[in-house]
Amino acid sequence: MARPRQRAQARHQFNRTDRIAETIREIVATELERIDDERADLVTVTGVKVDNDLNTAKVYYSAIVAENEGRLDDVAEALNDARWPIQQVVNRSVRARKTPQIQFLPDDVLAAALRIDDILNDRVHPAGVDSDADLPGSDGDPAAAG
């Protein structure tokens, strides 16, 4: 009797660059917590994109508090100052023949989403217009509302 054929191993659900990107994201987020630089406080790693040849890992970050206070340049400088120590941890931790070089880039998606939300709120509730005035029974009489 012939031996049953072995099934081919299931393909990985994620490709290699996605797995490396997730590993780098975790490492960078952990290392940013350890940095003793107040300019990098409340920085969130929002994503990492590794190119197919594993040369570069673009680390996208968000710093909403710093952006609101006009300190985004300080955050970029702090991350650039911390890039080499973080790169060394990535080099030791990523199990690959070639380790991508990290570069920090601000993630504009969240800031753009907040701006869009503000614009939509201004259109729905224009400044100077009482938002409750359009509701039935909101003529200022509490008894009429309920």
N, C-alpha and C. Protein backbone atom coordinates (compact mmCIF):
# COMPACT_ATOMS: atom_id res chain seq x y z
N MET A 1 0.82 -1.16 0.00
CA MET A 1 0.00 0.00 0.00
C MET A 1 0.89 1.24 0.00
N ALA A 2 0.51 2.21 -0.78
CA ALA A 2 1.30 3.42 -0.93
C ALA A 2 1.09 4.34 0.27
N ARG A 3 2.13 5.02 0.58
CA ARG A 3 2.06 5.98 1.67
C ARG A 3 1.18 7.17 1.29
N PRO A 4 0.40 7.65 2.24
CA PRO A 4 -0.39 8.85 1.92
C PRO A 4 0.53 10.05 1.75
N ARG A 5 0.17 10.90 0.84
CA ARG A 5 0.97 12.08 0.58
C ARG A 5 0.86 13.06 1.75
N GLN A 6 1.95 13.64 2.07
CA GLN A 6 1.93 14.66 3.12
C GLN A 6 1.39 15.96 2.52
N ARG A 7 0.58 16.58 3.30
CA ARG A 7 0.04 17.85 2.84
C ARG A 7 1.12 18.92 2.90
N ALA A 8 1.05 19.80 1.96
CA ALA A 8 1.97 20.93 1.98
C ALA A 8 1.63 21.81 3.18
N GLN A 9 2.63 22.33 3.80
CA GLN A 9 2.38 23.18 4.96
C GLN A 9 1.55 24.38 4.54
N ALA A 10 0.67 24.76 5.43
CA ALA A 10 -0.19 25.90 5.14
C ALA A 10 0.66 27.15 4.97
N ARG A 11 0.27 27.97 4.04
CA ARG A 11 1.00 29.21 3.82
C ARG A 11 0.80 30.13 5.03
N HIS A 12 1.81 30.88 5.30
CA HIS A 12 1.71 31.83 6.40
C HIS A 12 0.66 32.87 6.07
N GLN A 13 -0.08 33.24 7.08
CA GLN A 13 -1.14 34.21 6.87
C GLN A 13 -0.56 35.60 6.58
N PHE A 14 0.58 35.92 7.18
CA PHE A 14 1.21 37.21 6.97
C PHE A 14 2.55 36.99 6.30
N ASN A 15 2.95 37.93 5.46
CA ASN A 15 4.26 37.77 4.84
C ASN A 15 5.35 38.22 5.81
N ARG A 16 6.56 37.97 5.43
CA ARG A 16 7.69 38.19 6.32
C ARG A 16 7.86 39.66 6.71
N THR A 17 7.68 40.55 5.75
CA THR A 17 7.86 41.97 6.07
C THR A 17 6.82 42.44 7.08
N ASP A 18 5.61 41.89 7.02
CA ASP A 18 4.58 42.26 8.01
C ASP A 18 4.98 41.79 9.41
N ARG A 19 5.53 40.58 9.50
CA ARG A 19 5.95 40.06 10.80
C ARG A 19 7.11 40.88 11.36
N ILE A 20 8.06 41.22 10.51
CA ILE A 20 9.20 42.03 10.95
C ILE A 20 8.73 43.43 11.35
N ALA A 21 7.80 43.99 10.59
CA ALA A 21 7.26 45.32 10.92
C ALA A 21 6.59 45.30 12.29
N GLU A 22 5.82 44.26 12.57
CA GLU A 22 5.14 44.18 13.87
C GLU A 22 6.17 44.02 15.00
N THR A 23 7.20 43.24 14.78
CA THR A 23 8.26 43.08 15.78
C THR A 23 8.94 44.42 16.05
N ILE A 24 9.26 45.14 14.99
CA ILE A 24 9.91 46.45 15.14
C ILE A 24 8.98 47.42 15.86
N ARG A 25 7.69 47.39 15.55
CA ARG A 25 6.73 48.28 16.21
C ARG A 25 6.73 48.04 17.72
N GLU A 26 6.72 46.76 18.11
CA GLU A 26 6.72 46.43 19.54
C GLU A 26 8.01 46.88 20.21
N ILE A 27 9.14 46.66 19.55
CA ILE A 27 10.43 47.04 20.12
C ILE A 27 10.52 48.55 20.28
N VAL A 28 10.16 49.28 19.23
CA VAL A 28 10.26 50.74 19.27
C VAL A 28 9.33 51.31 20.34
N ALA A 29 8.11 50.79 20.43
CA ALA A 29 7.16 51.28 21.44
C ALA A 29 7.71 51.05 22.84
N THR A 30 8.29 49.88 23.07
CA THR A 30 8.87 49.58 24.38
C THR A 30 10.06 50.49 24.68
N GLU A 31 10.91 50.69 23.70
CA GLU A 31 12.09 51.53 23.91
C GLU A 31 11.72 52.99 24.11
N LEU A 32 10.66 53.46 23.46
CA LEU A 32 10.23 54.85 23.65
C LEU A 32 9.75 55.08 25.07
N GLU A 33 9.19 54.05 25.70
CA GLU A 33 8.78 54.18 27.10
C GLU A 33 9.99 54.31 28.02
N ARG A 34 11.10 53.72 27.62
CA ARG A 34 12.31 53.74 28.46
C ARG A 34 13.13 55.02 28.30
N ILE A 35 12.90 55.75 27.22
CA ILE A 35 13.68 56.95 26.95
C ILE A 35 13.41 58.00 28.03
N ASP A 36 14.49 58.56 28.55
CA ASP A 36 14.36 59.59 29.58
C ASP A 36 14.50 60.96 28.92
N ASP A 37 13.55 61.25 28.04
CA ASP A 37 13.54 62.53 27.34
C ASP A 37 12.11 63.03 27.33
N GLU A 38 11.87 64.12 28.05
CA GLU A 38 10.49 64.60 28.18
C GLU A 38 9.91 65.06 26.84
N ARG A 39 10.76 65.34 25.86
CA ARG A 39 10.25 65.73 24.54
C ARG A 39 9.52 64.58 23.86
N ALA A 40 9.86 63.35 24.25
CA ALA A 40 9.25 62.17 23.63
C ALA A 40 8.12 61.59 24.47
N ASP A 41 7.65 62.34 25.46
CA ASP A 41 6.52 61.87 26.27
C ASP A 41 5.26 61.83 25.41
N LEU A 42 4.40 60.86 25.69
CA LEU A 42 3.11 60.71 25.02
C LEU A 42 3.23 60.58 23.51
N VAL A 43 4.28 59.92 23.06
CA VAL A 43 4.43 59.60 21.64
C VAL A 43 3.91 58.19 21.44
N THR A 44 3.09 58.01 20.42
CA THR A 44 2.50 56.71 20.13
C THR A 44 3.01 56.23 18.78
N VAL A 45 3.48 54.99 18.73
CA VAL A 45 3.87 54.39 17.46
C VAL A 45 2.59 53.88 16.81
N THR A 46 2.24 54.46 15.67
CA THR A 46 0.98 54.11 15.02
C THR A 46 1.14 53.04 13.96
N GLY A 47 2.35 52.83 13.49
CA GLY A 47 2.55 51.79 12.49
C GLY A 47 3.98 51.75 12.02
N VAL A 48 4.34 50.64 11.39
CA VAL A 48 5.67 50.47 10.81
C VAL A 48 5.49 49.85 9.44
N LYS A 49 6.16 50.42 8.46
CA LYS A 49 6.12 49.89 7.10
C LYS A 49 7.54 49.51 6.70
N VAL A 50 7.75 48.22 6.46
CA VAL A 50 9.06 47.72 6.05
C VAL A 50 9.01 47.46 4.56
N ASP A 51 10.02 47.97 3.83
CA ASP A 51 10.02 47.72 2.39
C ASP A 51 10.42 46.27 2.11
N ASN A 52 10.10 45.80 0.91
CA ASN A 52 10.26 44.37 0.58
C ASN A 52 11.70 43.88 0.65
N ASP A 53 12.66 44.75 0.38
CA ASP A 53 14.06 44.31 0.43
C ASP A 53 14.68 44.49 1.82
N LEU A 54 13.87 44.82 2.81
CA LEU A 54 14.29 44.96 4.21
C LEU A 54 15.38 46.00 4.42
N ASN A 55 15.42 47.02 3.57
CA ASN A 55 16.40 48.10 3.76
C ASN A 55 15.94 49.11 4.79
N THR A 56 14.67 49.45 4.75
CA THR A 56 14.17 50.54 5.57
C THR A 56 12.89 50.15 6.30
N ALA A 57 12.78 50.62 7.53
CA ALA A 57 11.54 50.48 8.29
C ALA A 57 11.09 51.89 8.66
N LYS A 58 9.99 52.31 8.06
CA LYS A 58 9.44 53.64 8.36
C LYS A 58 8.53 53.50 9.57
N VAL A 59 8.93 54.14 10.66
CA VAL A 59 8.17 54.08 11.90
C VAL A 59 7.33 55.35 11.99
N TYR A 60 6.01 55.17 11.91
CA TYR A 60 5.09 56.30 11.96
C TYR A 60 4.67 56.53 13.41
N TYR A 61 4.70 57.78 13.82
CA TYR A 61 4.36 58.11 15.20
C TYR A 61 3.35 59.25 15.24
N SER A 62 2.67 59.33 16.38
CA SER A 62 1.71 60.39 16.62
C SER A 62 2.02 61.00 17.98
N ALA A 63 1.96 62.32 18.04
CA ALA A 63 2.19 63.04 19.30
C ALA A 63 1.19 64.19 19.35
N ILE A 64 -0.05 63.87 19.65
CA ILE A 64 -1.13 64.84 19.58
C ILE A 64 -0.94 65.98 20.58
N VAL A 65 -0.54 65.66 21.80
CA VAL A 65 -0.36 66.71 22.81
C VAL A 65 0.73 67.67 22.35
N ALA A 66 1.84 67.14 21.87
CA ALA A 66 2.94 67.99 21.40
C ALA A 66 2.50 68.80 20.19
N GLU A 67 1.70 68.20 19.32
CA GLU A 67 1.23 68.92 18.13
C GLU A 67 0.33 70.08 18.53
N ASN A 68 -0.55 69.84 19.50
CA ASN A 68 -1.44 70.91 19.96
C ASN A 68 -0.67 72.04 20.63
N GLU A 69 0.46 71.70 21.23
CA GLU A 69 1.28 72.71 21.91
C GLU A 69 2.35 73.30 20.98
N GLY A 70 2.38 72.85 19.73
CA GLY A 70 3.35 73.37 18.77
C GLY A 70 4.76 72.85 18.99
N ARG A 71 4.89 71.67 19.59
CA ARG A 71 6.21 71.11 19.90
C ARG A 71 6.55 69.90 19.04
N LEU A 72 5.95 69.77 17.87
CA LEU A 72 6.18 68.60 17.04
C LEU A 72 7.64 68.51 16.57
N ASP A 73 8.28 69.66 16.35
CA ASP A 73 9.69 69.65 15.95
C ASP A 73 10.57 69.11 17.07
N ASP A 74 10.21 69.41 18.32
CA ASP A 74 10.97 68.89 19.47
C ASP A 74 10.85 67.37 19.55
N VAL A 75 9.65 66.86 19.27
CA VAL A 75 9.44 65.41 19.29
C VAL A 75 10.27 64.75 18.20
N ALA A 76 10.27 65.33 17.00
CA ALA A 76 11.05 64.77 15.90
C ALA A 76 12.54 64.76 16.24
N GLU A 77 13.01 65.82 16.88
CA GLU A 77 14.41 65.90 17.29
C GLU A 77 14.73 64.84 18.35
N ALA A 78 13.83 64.66 19.31
CA ALA A 78 14.04 63.65 20.36
C ALA A 78 14.09 62.25 19.77
N LEU A 79 13.19 61.96 18.83
CA LEU A 79 13.19 60.64 18.21
C LEU A 79 14.44 60.43 17.37
N ASN A 80 14.89 61.46 16.70
CA ASN A 80 16.11 61.35 15.91
C ASN A 80 17.31 61.13 16.83
N ASP A 81 17.32 61.78 17.98
CA ASP A 81 18.41 61.58 18.96
C ASP A 81 18.41 60.15 19.50
N ALA A 82 17.23 59.56 19.63
CA ALA A 82 17.11 58.21 20.20
C ALA A 82 17.17 57.12 19.13
N ARG A 83 17.28 57.50 17.87
CA ARG A 83 17.22 56.52 16.79
C ARG A 83 18.32 55.46 16.89
N TRP A 84 19.54 55.86 17.13
CA TRP A 84 20.63 54.88 17.13
C TRP A 84 20.51 53.88 18.28
N PRO A 85 20.26 54.30 19.53
CA PRO A 85 20.07 53.29 20.58
C PRO A 85 18.90 52.34 20.30
N ILE A 86 17.82 52.88 19.74
CA ILE A 86 16.68 52.02 19.40
C ILE A 86 17.07 51.08 18.26
N GLN A 87 17.83 51.59 17.29
CA GLN A 87 18.27 50.76 16.16
C GLN A 87 19.12 49.59 16.67
N GLN A 88 19.95 49.83 17.67
CA GLN A 88 20.78 48.75 18.21
C GLN A 88 19.92 47.66 18.84
N VAL A 89 18.87 48.04 19.54
CA VAL A 89 17.97 47.04 20.13
C VAL A 89 17.25 46.27 19.02
N VAL A 90 16.82 46.97 17.98
CA VAL A 90 16.18 46.30 16.84
C VAL A 90 17.15 45.32 16.20
N ASN A 91 18.40 45.74 16.01
CA ASN A 91 19.40 44.86 15.38
C ASN A 91 19.61 43.58 16.18
N ARG A 92 19.60 43.70 17.52
CA ARG A 92 19.80 42.51 18.35
C ARG A 92 18.56 41.63 18.41
N SER A 93 17.38 42.22 18.23
CA SER A 93 16.13 41.50 18.47
C SER A 93 15.50 40.87 17.23
N VAL A 94 15.68 41.48 16.09
CA VAL A 94 15.04 40.97 14.87
C VAL A 94 15.88 39.82 14.33
N ARG A 95 15.23 38.71 14.14
CA ARG A 95 15.93 37.53 13.63
C ARG A 95 15.83 37.52 12.11
N ALA A 96 16.78 38.18 11.49
CA ALA A 96 16.82 38.25 10.04
C ALA A 96 18.27 38.46 9.62
N ARG A 97 18.58 38.02 8.43
CA ARG A 97 19.93 38.20 7.92
C ARG A 97 20.24 39.69 7.77
N LYS A 98 19.22 40.42 7.38
CA LYS A 98 19.36 41.85 7.14
C LYS A 98 18.34 42.58 8.01
N THR A 99 18.79 43.57 8.76
CA THR A 99 17.89 44.32 9.63
C THR A 99 17.62 45.68 9.01
N PRO A 100 16.35 46.05 8.88
CA PRO A 100 16.02 47.35 8.29
C PRO A 100 16.49 48.51 9.16
N GLN A 101 16.89 49.58 8.52
CA GLN A 101 17.26 50.80 9.22
C GLN A 101 15.98 51.58 9.51
N ILE A 102 15.79 51.96 10.77
CA ILE A 102 14.55 52.65 11.12
C ILE A 102 14.68 54.15 10.84
N GLN A 103 13.56 54.72 10.45
CA GLN A 103 13.45 56.17 10.33
C GLN A 103 12.08 56.57 10.85
N PHE A 104 12.05 57.67 11.58
CA PHE A 104 10.81 58.13 12.20
C PHE A 104 10.13 59.16 11.31
N LEU A 105 8.83 58.95 11.11
CA LEU A 105 8.02 59.88 10.32
C LEU A 105 6.73 60.18 11.06
N PRO A 106 6.31 61.45 11.09
CA PRO A 106 5.04 61.75 11.76
C PRO A 106 3.88 61.15 10.98
N ASP A 107 2.93 60.60 11.71
CA ASP A 107 1.74 60.02 11.09
C ASP A 107 0.68 61.12 11.00
N ASP A 108 0.42 61.56 9.80
CA ASP A 108 -0.52 62.66 9.59
C ASP A 108 -1.97 62.19 9.54
N VAL A 109 -2.20 60.90 9.53
CA VAL A 109 -3.55 60.37 9.38
C VAL A 109 -4.43 60.77 10.56
N LEU A 110 -3.93 60.61 11.77
CA LEU A 110 -4.74 60.93 12.95
C LEU A 110 -5.01 62.42 13.03
N ALA A 111 -4.01 63.24 12.77
CA ALA A 111 -4.21 64.69 12.80
C ALA A 111 -5.20 65.12 11.73
N ALA A 112 -5.11 64.51 10.55
CA ALA A 112 -6.06 64.83 9.47
C ALA A 112 -7.47 64.41 9.86
N ALA A 113 -7.60 63.26 10.50
CA ALA A 113 -8.92 62.80 10.93
C ALA A 113 -9.52 63.75 11.97
N LEU A 114 -8.69 64.24 12.88
CA LEU A 114 -9.18 65.21 13.87
C LEU A 114 -9.60 66.52 13.22
N ARG A 115 -8.83 66.95 12.21
CA ARG A 115 -9.21 68.18 11.49
C ARG A 115 -10.53 67.99 10.76
N ILE A 116 -10.71 66.85 10.11
CA ILE A 116 -11.97 66.56 9.42
C ILE A 116 -13.12 66.53 10.40
N ASP A 117 -12.89 65.92 11.55
CA ASP A 117 -13.93 65.86 12.58
C ASP A 117 -14.31 67.27 13.04
N ASP A 118 -13.32 68.13 13.24
CA ASP A 118 -13.60 69.51 13.63
C ASP A 118 -14.40 70.24 12.55
N ILE A 119 -14.03 70.04 11.30
CA ILE A 119 -14.75 70.68 10.19
C ILE A 119 -16.19 70.21 10.15
N LEU A 120 -16.39 68.91 10.30
CA LEU A 120 -17.75 68.37 10.28
C LEU A 120 -18.56 68.88 11.46
N ASN A 121 -17.95 68.96 12.62
CA ASN A 121 -18.66 69.49 13.79
C ASN A 121 -19.03 70.96 13.60
N ASP A 122 -18.15 71.73 12.96
CA ASP A 122 -18.46 73.14 12.68
C ASP A 122 -19.62 73.27 11.71
N ARG A 123 -19.72 72.36 10.76
CA ARG A 123 -20.83 72.41 9.79
C ARG A 123 -22.14 71.97 10.43
N VAL A 124 -22.08 70.96 11.28
CA VAL A 124 -23.29 70.48 11.92
C VAL A 124 -23.75 71.45 13.00
N HIS A 125 -22.80 71.98 13.76
CA HIS A 125 -23.11 72.91 14.85
C HIS A 125 -22.31 74.19 14.62
N PRO A 126 -22.76 75.08 13.74
CA PRO A 126 -22.01 76.32 13.47
C PRO A 126 -21.86 77.16 14.73
N ALA A 127 -20.78 77.89 14.80
CA ALA A 127 -20.51 78.75 15.96
C ALA A 127 -21.61 79.79 16.09
N GLY A 128 -22.03 80.03 17.31
CA GLY A 128 -23.05 81.04 17.57
C GLY A 128 -24.47 80.53 17.46
N VAL A 129 -24.65 79.29 17.05
CA VAL A 129 -25.99 78.72 16.95
C VAL A 129 -26.15 77.71 18.06
N ASP A 130 -27.22 77.81 18.80
CA ASP A 130 -27.49 76.87 19.89
C ASP A 130 -27.87 75.54 19.28
N SER A 131 -27.10 74.49 19.59
CA SER A 131 -27.34 73.18 18.97
C SER A 131 -28.65 72.57 19.43
N ASP A 132 -29.19 72.97 20.59
CA ASP A 132 -30.45 72.42 21.07
C ASP A 132 -31.66 73.17 20.50
N ALA A 133 -31.45 74.29 19.83
CA ALA A 133 -32.56 75.10 19.34
C ALA A 133 -33.35 74.38 18.26
N ASP A 134 -32.72 73.45 17.54
CA ASP A 134 -33.39 72.74 16.47
C ASP A 134 -34.23 71.58 16.96
N LEU A 135 -34.04 71.18 18.20
CA LEU A 135 -34.76 70.02 18.71
C LEU A 135 -36.18 70.40 19.10
N PRO A 136 -37.16 69.50 18.83
CA PRO A 136 -38.53 69.81 19.22
C PRO A 136 -38.64 69.89 20.74
N GLY A 137 -39.39 70.85 21.20
CA GLY A 137 -39.62 71.00 22.63
C GLY A 137 -38.46 71.63 23.35
N SER A 138 -37.55 72.26 22.63
CA SER A 138 -36.39 72.86 23.29
C SER A 138 -36.49 74.38 23.27
N ASP A 139 -37.64 74.89 23.56
CA ASP A 139 -37.85 76.33 23.57
C ASP A 139 -37.45 76.97 24.90
N GLY A 140 -36.72 76.21 25.69
CA GLY A 140 -36.27 76.73 26.97
C GLY A 140 -37.18 76.31 28.11
N ASP A 141 -38.33 75.73 27.81
CA ASP A 141 -39.27 75.29 28.84
C ASP A 141 -38.97 73.85 29.19
N PRO A 142 -38.46 73.55 30.39
CA PRO A 142 -38.11 72.18 30.74
C PRO A 142 -39.32 71.25 30.72
N ALA A 143 -40.50 71.76 30.99
CA ALA A 143 -41.70 70.92 30.99
C ALA A 143 -42.06 70.47 29.58
N ALA A 144 -41.75 71.27 28.58
CA ALA A 144 -42.09 70.92 27.20
C ALA A 144 -41.17 69.84 26.66
N ALA A 145 -39.98 69.69 27.23
CA ALA A 145 -39.02 68.71 26.73
C ALA A 145 -39.38 67.31 27.14
N GLY A 146 -40.07 67.10 28.14
CA GLY A 146 -40.23 65.74 28.56
C GLY A 146 -41.54 65.42 29.02
